[in-house]
Protein backbone atom coordinates (compact mmCIF):
# COMPACT_ATOMS: atom_id res chain seq x y z
CA MET A 1 -13.13 -26.94 -3.56
CA ILE A 2 -14.90 -24.30 -6.30
CA LYS A 3 -13.51 -24.46 -9.37
CA SER A 4 -13.93 -21.54 -12.30
CA THR A 5 -13.36 -21.75 -15.80
CA PHE A 6 -9.86 -20.07 -15.60
CA ASP A 7 -8.97 -23.94 -14.30
CA ARG A 8 -9.30 -25.40 -18.21
CA PRO A 9 -9.33 -23.98 -21.35
CA ILE A 10 -12.03 -24.03 -23.11
CA SER A 11 -12.77 -25.45 -26.72
CA THR A 12 -15.93 -23.45 -27.57
CA LEU A 13 -17.13 -20.48 -29.02
CA SER A 14 -19.85 -20.41 -26.41
CA GLU A 15 -17.50 -20.21 -23.81
CA ASP A 16 -15.33 -17.10 -25.41
CA LYS A 17 -15.80 -14.95 -22.40
CA PHE A 18 -12.83 -13.08 -23.05
CA GLN A 19 -13.31 -11.93 -26.67
CA ARG A 20 -10.59 -14.29 -27.35
CA ILE A 21 -12.05 -14.81 -30.91
CA ALA A 22 -10.79 -11.84 -32.05
CA LEU A 23 -6.99 -13.13 -32.09
CA VAL A 24 -8.20 -16.49 -33.54
CA ARG A 25 -9.81 -14.82 -36.36
CA ALA A 26 -6.50 -12.68 -37.03
CA ILE A 27 -4.60 -15.51 -37.32
CA ALA A 28 -6.58 -17.83 -39.06
CA ARG A 29 -6.72 -14.99 -42.01
CA GLU A 30 -2.96 -14.80 -41.92
CA ILE A 31 -3.24 -18.52 -42.76
CA ASN A 32 -5.96 -18.36 -45.22
CA ASN A 33 -4.28 -15.43 -47.33
CA SER A 34 -0.80 -16.72 -46.98
CA ASP A 35 0.98 -19.11 -49.46
CA GLU A 36 3.74 -20.42 -47.23
CA GLY A 37 4.24 -21.48 -44.16
CA PHE A 38 4.92 -19.47 -41.62
CA ASN A 39 6.04 -19.68 -37.58
CA PHE A 40 3.63 -17.98 -34.95
CA LEU A 41 4.79 -17.19 -31.16
CA LEU A 42 1.86 -17.01 -29.41
CA SER A 43 2.78 -15.40 -25.50
CA GLY A 44 1.51 -15.26 -22.37
CA GLU A 45 1.83 -16.59 -18.81
CA TRP A 46 0.30 -19.57 -17.47
CA GLY A 47 -3.43 -19.40 -17.28
CA SER A 48 -3.56 -16.47 -19.68
CA GLY A 49 -5.18 -18.37 -22.40
CA LYS A 50 -2.67 -19.90 -25.11
CA THR A 51 -4.20 -23.20 -25.08
CA SER A 52 -8.18 -21.49 -25.40
CA ILE A 53 -6.35 -19.86 -28.11
CA LEU A 54 -5.11 -23.21 -30.00
CA ASN A 55 -8.86 -24.90 -29.44
CA LEU A 56 -11.00 -22.35 -30.70
CA LEU A 57 -7.98 -22.07 -33.64
CA GLU A 58 -8.83 -25.82 -34.50
CA ARG A 59 -12.32 -25.16 -34.56
CA GLU A 60 -12.17 -22.58 -37.23
CA PHE A 61 -10.31 -25.18 -39.13
CA GLU A 62 -12.11 -28.16 -38.82
CA LYS A 63 -14.04 -28.09 -41.46
CA LYS A 64 -11.62 -27.59 -44.05
CA THR A 65 -10.39 -31.15 -45.69
CA ARG A 66 -7.15 -29.72 -47.17
CA VAL A 67 -5.86 -28.57 -43.62
CA LYS A 68 -4.46 -30.89 -41.33
CA ILE A 69 -3.50 -30.29 -37.40
CA ILE A 70 -1.53 -31.69 -35.73
CA ARG A 71 -0.89 -31.00 -31.84
CA PHE A 72 2.46 -31.73 -29.93
CA ASN A 73 3.45 -31.07 -26.43
CA PRO A 74 6.55 -31.68 -25.51
CA TRP A 75 6.41 -31.03 -22.36
CA LYS A 76 4.83 -34.71 -21.54
CA TYR A 77 8.12 -36.29 -22.64
CA LEU A 78 9.60 -35.12 -19.44
CA GLN A 79 6.94 -37.69 -17.68
CA THR A 80 8.60 -40.44 -19.79
CA LYS A 81 11.06 -42.56 -19.19
CA ASP A 82 11.95 -41.57 -23.00
CA ARG A 83 13.97 -38.86 -23.34
CA SER A 84 15.15 -38.99 -26.55
CA SER A 85 15.27 -36.25 -29.32
CA VAL A 86 12.05 -34.13 -28.91
CA SER A 87 12.57 -33.73 -32.38
CA ARG A 88 12.53 -36.84 -33.57
CA LYS A 89 9.54 -37.35 -31.40
CA LEU A 90 7.59 -34.58 -33.55
CA LEU A 91 8.28 -36.31 -36.51
CA ILE A 92 7.23 -39.31 -35.19
CA GLU A 93 4.00 -37.38 -34.93
CA VAL A 94 3.82 -35.54 -38.10
CA ARG A 95 4.25 -38.70 -40.28
CA LYS A 96 1.77 -41.10 -37.72
CA ALA A 97 -0.76 -37.84 -38.15
CA LEU A 98 -0.23 -38.02 -41.95
CA GLY A 99 -0.93 -41.00 -42.75
CA GLU A 100 2.73 -42.98 -43.04
CA ARG A 101 2.63 -46.80 -42.46
CA ASN A 102 5.59 -47.36 -40.30
CA PRO A 103 6.11 -43.22 -38.35
CA GLU A 104 9.48 -44.31 -36.79
CA GLY A 105 10.83 -46.14 -39.43
CA ASN A 106 14.43 -44.41 -39.87
CA LEU A 107 13.96 -42.66 -36.73
CA TYR A 108 14.32 -45.70 -34.15
CA GLU A 109 16.19 -48.38 -35.20
CA SER A 110 14.63 -51.45 -36.62
CA THR A 111 14.45 -54.92 -38.00
CA THR A 112 11.11 -55.55 -40.21
CA PHE A 113 9.77 -57.82 -42.37
CA ASP A 114 9.32 -56.36 -45.79
CA ARG A 115 5.31 -56.85 -46.88
CA VAL A 116 5.61 -55.95 -50.37
CA SER A 117 9.13 -56.50 -52.24
CA TRP A 118 8.32 -59.40 -53.73
CA ASN A 119 11.11 -58.41 -56.95
CA ARG A 120 13.84 -58.93 -54.50
CA ILE A 121 12.44 -61.92 -52.42
CA ILE A 122 11.48 -63.78 -55.01
CA PRO A 123 14.95 -64.07 -56.82
CA VAL A 124 16.71 -64.76 -53.10
CA ILE A 125 14.29 -67.87 -52.59
CA LEU A 126 14.87 -69.33 -56.29
CA SER A 127 18.62 -68.78 -55.44
CA ASN A 128 18.47 -70.51 -52.00
CA LEU A 129 16.23 -73.23 -54.24
CA ALA A 130 19.18 -73.49 -56.58
CA LEU A 131 21.67 -74.42 -53.78
CA SER A 132 19.91 -76.54 -52.18
CA ILE A 133 18.95 -78.81 -55.02
CA ILE A 134 22.66 -79.01 -55.91
CA TRP A 135 23.38 -79.82 -52.10
CA PHE A 136 21.47 -82.88 -52.05
CA GLY A 137 22.42 -83.81 -55.84
CA VAL A 138 26.26 -83.81 -54.21
CA VAL A 139 25.52 -85.43 -51.39
CA SER A 140 23.26 -87.84 -52.69
CA GLY A 141 26.17 -88.14 -55.24
CA LEU A 142 28.63 -88.84 -51.92
CA VAL A 143 26.10 -91.53 -51.16
CA VAL A 144 25.94 -93.68 -53.95
CA ALA A 145 29.95 -93.17 -54.16
CA VAL A 146 29.95 -94.75 -50.78
CA GLY A 147 27.73 -97.06 -51.11
CA GLY A 148 29.43 -98.42 -54.25
CA LEU A 149 32.98 -98.34 -52.43
CA LEU A 150 31.51 -100.73 -49.90
CA THR A 151 29.87 -103.04 -52.12
CA TYR A 152 32.61 -103.52 -53.90
CA PHE A 153 34.95 -104.18 -50.86
CA HIS A 154 32.12 -107.21 -49.92
CA GLN A 155 30.29 -105.15 -47.50
CA LYS A 156 26.88 -105.28 -48.50
CA ILE A 157 24.26 -102.39 -47.03
CA ASN A 158 21.32 -100.82 -47.96
CA VAL A 159 22.03 -97.19 -49.22
CA VAL A 160 18.65 -95.92 -48.34
CA ASN A 161 19.25 -96.84 -44.71
CA PHE A 162 22.67 -95.46 -44.57
CA TYR A 163 21.97 -92.26 -46.02
CA GLU A 164 18.83 -92.02 -43.00
CA ASP A 165 21.14 -93.07 -40.69
CA LYS A 166 24.76 -91.37 -41.00
CA LEU A 167 23.84 -88.57 -43.55
CA LEU A 168 19.83 -87.34 -42.95
CA PHE A 169 21.02 -84.92 -39.82
CA PRO A 170 24.47 -83.69 -41.40
CA VAL A 171 22.29 -82.82 -44.58
CA ILE A 172 19.41 -80.94 -42.83
CA ALA A 173 21.60 -79.09 -40.68
CA ALA A 174 23.35 -78.26 -44.22
CA LEU A 175 20.30 -76.56 -44.82
CA ILE A 176 19.68 -74.25 -41.89
CA PRO A 177 22.25 -71.72 -43.10
CA LEU A 178 20.35 -71.94 -46.56
CA ILE A 179 17.16 -70.80 -44.83
CA SER A 180 18.25 -68.77 -42.45
CA ALA A 181 19.64 -66.56 -45.53
CA THR A 182 16.40 -66.66 -47.09
CA ILE A 183 14.86 -65.39 -43.80
CA ALA A 184 17.22 -62.74 -43.61
CA SER A 185 16.76 -61.46 -47.29
CA LEU A 186 12.81 -61.07 -46.06
CA ARG A 187 13.84 -58.35 -43.30
CA THR A 188 14.95 -55.17 -43.53
CA LYS A 189 16.92 -53.30 -40.61
CA SER A 190 16.39 -49.40 -40.95
CA THR A 191 19.01 -46.87 -41.08
CA LEU A 192 18.67 -44.97 -38.26
CA ALA A 193 18.45 -40.89 -38.88
CA GLU A 194 20.99 -38.65 -37.31
CA SER A 195 22.18 -35.80 -39.35
CA ILE A 196 19.84 -32.59 -40.12
CA GLU A 197 19.97 -33.01 -43.21
CA GLN A 198 18.40 -36.78 -42.81
CA PHE A 199 16.00 -35.51 -40.90
CA GLU A 200 14.80 -32.79 -43.55
CA ASP A 201 15.03 -35.24 -46.08
CA ILE A 202 12.56 -37.66 -44.60
CA PHE A 203 10.35 -34.80 -43.02
CA ASN A 204 9.70 -32.94 -46.28
CA LYS A 205 9.28 -36.22 -47.91
CA THR A 206 6.38 -37.06 -45.93
CA VAL A 207 4.84 -33.39 -46.13
CA ASN A 208 5.46 -32.86 -49.99
CA LYS A 209 3.58 -36.55 -50.80
CA SER A 210 0.66 -35.56 -48.04
CA TYR A 211 -3.24 -34.80 -49.78
CA PHE A 212 -3.35 -31.53 -47.47
CA LYS A 213 -2.66 -28.21 -48.66
CA LYS A 214 -1.87 -26.97 -45.19
CA ILE A 215 -0.78 -28.25 -42.15
CA LEU A 216 -0.77 -26.90 -39.13
CA ILE A 217 1.01 -27.97 -36.31
CA PHE A 218 0.41 -26.91 -32.80
CA ILE A 219 3.62 -27.25 -30.18
CA ASP A 220 1.42 -26.12 -26.74
CA ASP A 221 3.75 -25.46 -23.21
CA LEU A 222 7.05 -25.07 -24.53
CA ASP A 223 7.89 -23.09 -21.71
CA ARG A 224 7.37 -25.65 -19.21
CA SER A 225 9.73 -28.22 -21.13
CA SER A 226 13.99 -28.64 -20.23
CA GLU A 227 16.38 -25.89 -21.97
CA ALA A 228 17.45 -28.83 -24.03
CA ASP A 229 14.38 -29.28 -25.19
CA VAL A 230 13.25 -25.63 -26.01
CA GLN A 231 16.50 -25.49 -28.13
CA GLN A 232 15.85 -28.73 -30.50
CA ILE A 233 12.03 -26.86 -31.01
CA LEU A 234 13.61 -23.36 -32.06
CA THR A 235 16.71 -25.11 -33.90
CA SER A 236 14.76 -27.29 -35.74
CA LEU A 237 11.95 -25.10 -36.68
CA PHE A 238 14.78 -22.64 -38.28
CA THR A 239 15.93 -25.72 -40.17
CA VAL A 240 14.23 -29.07 -40.34
CA PHE A 241 10.94 -28.73 -39.87
CA GLU A 242 10.72 -25.33 -42.39
CA ASN A 243 8.55 -26.39 -45.07
CA LYS A 244 5.82 -23.74 -47.25
CA LYS A 245 2.56 -26.48 -46.81
CA CYS A 246 3.40 -26.17 -42.92
CA PHE A 247 2.57 -23.69 -40.38
CA TYR A 248 3.26 -23.06 -36.67
CA VAL A 249 1.89 -21.82 -33.74
CA ILE A 250 4.41 -21.65 -30.42
CA ALA A 251 2.29 -21.26 -27.48
CA ALA A 252 5.13 -20.24 -25.19
CA ASP A 253 5.45 -17.30 -22.12
CA TYR A 254 8.30 -15.52 -24.22
CA ARG A 255 10.03 -14.35 -21.15
CA VAL A 256 11.17 -18.22 -20.24
CA ILE A 257 12.09 -19.50 -23.56
CA GLU A 258 14.01 -15.97 -24.13
CA PRO A 259 17.44 -16.96 -22.18
CA PHE A 260 16.95 -20.68 -23.53
CA ALA A 261 16.85 -19.17 -26.97
CA GLY A 262 20.39 -17.03 -26.07
CA ALA A 263 21.91 -20.05 -24.40
CA ALA A 264 21.37 -21.81 -27.98
CA VAL A 265 23.36 -19.06 -29.69
CA THR A 266 25.94 -18.28 -27.33
CA ARG A 267 29.58 -20.14 -26.78
CA ASN A 268 30.08 -20.91 -23.23
CA PRO A 269 26.21 -19.87 -22.58
CA GLU A 270 27.04 -21.30 -18.34
CA LYS A 271 29.44 -18.22 -18.05
CA PHE A 272 26.66 -15.87 -18.43
CA THR A 273 22.97 -14.82 -15.86
CA ASP A 274 19.46 -14.87 -17.64
CA GLU A 275 19.70 -11.64 -18.61
CA GLN A 276 22.73 -11.42 -20.30
CA LEU A 277 21.87 -14.05 -22.87
CA GLU A 278 18.10 -11.95 -22.76
CA PRO A 279 19.10 -9.25 -26.08
CA LYS A 280 20.67 -12.31 -28.23
CA GLY A 281 17.65 -14.50 -27.54
CA LYS A 282 15.52 -11.54 -28.74
CA GLU A 283 17.01 -11.64 -31.92
CA TYR A 284 17.52 -15.21 -32.37
CA LEU A 285 13.42 -15.55 -31.59
CA LYS A 286 12.77 -12.54 -34.49
CA LYS A 287 14.30 -14.62 -36.66
CA ILE A 288 12.56 -17.72 -35.77
CA PHE A 289 9.18 -15.93 -35.53
CA GLN A 290 7.24 -13.82 -38.36
CA PHE A 291 4.68 -13.20 -35.94
CA ILE A 292 4.94 -12.54 -32.52
CA TYR A 293 1.91 -11.75 -30.12
CA THR A 294 1.61 -11.02 -26.97
CA ILE A 295 -1.73 -11.97 -24.79
CA PRO A 296 -2.24 -8.89 -22.62
CA PRO A 297 -3.58 -9.09 -19.03
CA LEU A 298 -7.42 -9.96 -18.48
CA PRO A 299 -9.49 -6.68 -17.88
CA LEU A 300 -10.13 -6.49 -14.26
CA GLU A 301 -13.96 -5.66 -14.93
CA LYS A 302 -14.07 -9.18 -16.86
CA ILE A 303 -12.83 -10.94 -14.22
CA ASP A 304 -14.70 -9.62 -11.47
CA GLU A 305 -17.80 -10.58 -14.12
CA GLU A 306 -16.44 -14.14 -14.09
CA VAL A 307 -15.59 -14.56 -10.74
CA GLU A 308 -19.18 -13.52 -9.87
CA GLU A 309 -20.96 -15.72 -12.36
CA THR A 310 -18.53 -18.90 -10.61
CA LEU A 311 -20.11 -17.90 -7.25
CA GLU A 312 -23.33 -17.33 -8.30
CA SER A 313 -23.50 -21.06 -9.97
CA TYR A 314 -22.57 -22.43 -6.03
CA GLU A 315 -25.46 -20.89 -4.68
């Protein structure tokens, strides 16, 4: 089978036979000149070069140390059994890329051991140790008292043997809750973030404390995702993930996501056709994206040249 360069995205300028670099540099210029983040929709049919443009755009910024590029493909989560919130997945990817030690913290319910909270741990250990000493004192006093009573009634016993044989196991058993309490104090159960406000707070804290001045988030193949995932991403861009340090470049076929966007802002959308939802979707997308660019069809002469070169390489 002859496999042409149409079948794979390009990643270097030397491969750019269709002059995509002009658009790439225009996008890069907007990002460089802007002090506040924006949303850019790169629209085009499958195979029109959207991923290639993202690859070239990444190359434009790869030498800038204060710019971080994060790539996210929601479509890949369709291939896994874990279909939890795609927005939650995006937030985890952002936290991971920005160097968070526990990127899933507060996003998936879990119980972990604290690493550095000694100010809280030491008082708990000392408190439980004091309780253990008090408990041993009480038990020892009881042992002495019981031994004294038995001796008084002329039943001579060895107090140490009596303690070991009769009371040692109960004393050890009684210490187990104290040990468990100490261990429990070393663990932290994360509070699962559910509300938009919680997601927004986690996102902004992560982004604002990061070293990077600008964070570029590329979302590819959004048009291959489910309607629910598309709506989650679009809504999140308008609410949760809005931050002046963040620039979103989203690659998707405008015509595919337009009815999905319309359904997100329509009551009982199942009663409407895609054609009826498209006008509302168009207005909604204009609110979300400050820039919308549709990749023009490739010139026929360029396609002919590419085909000829591909055929010649196999002769």
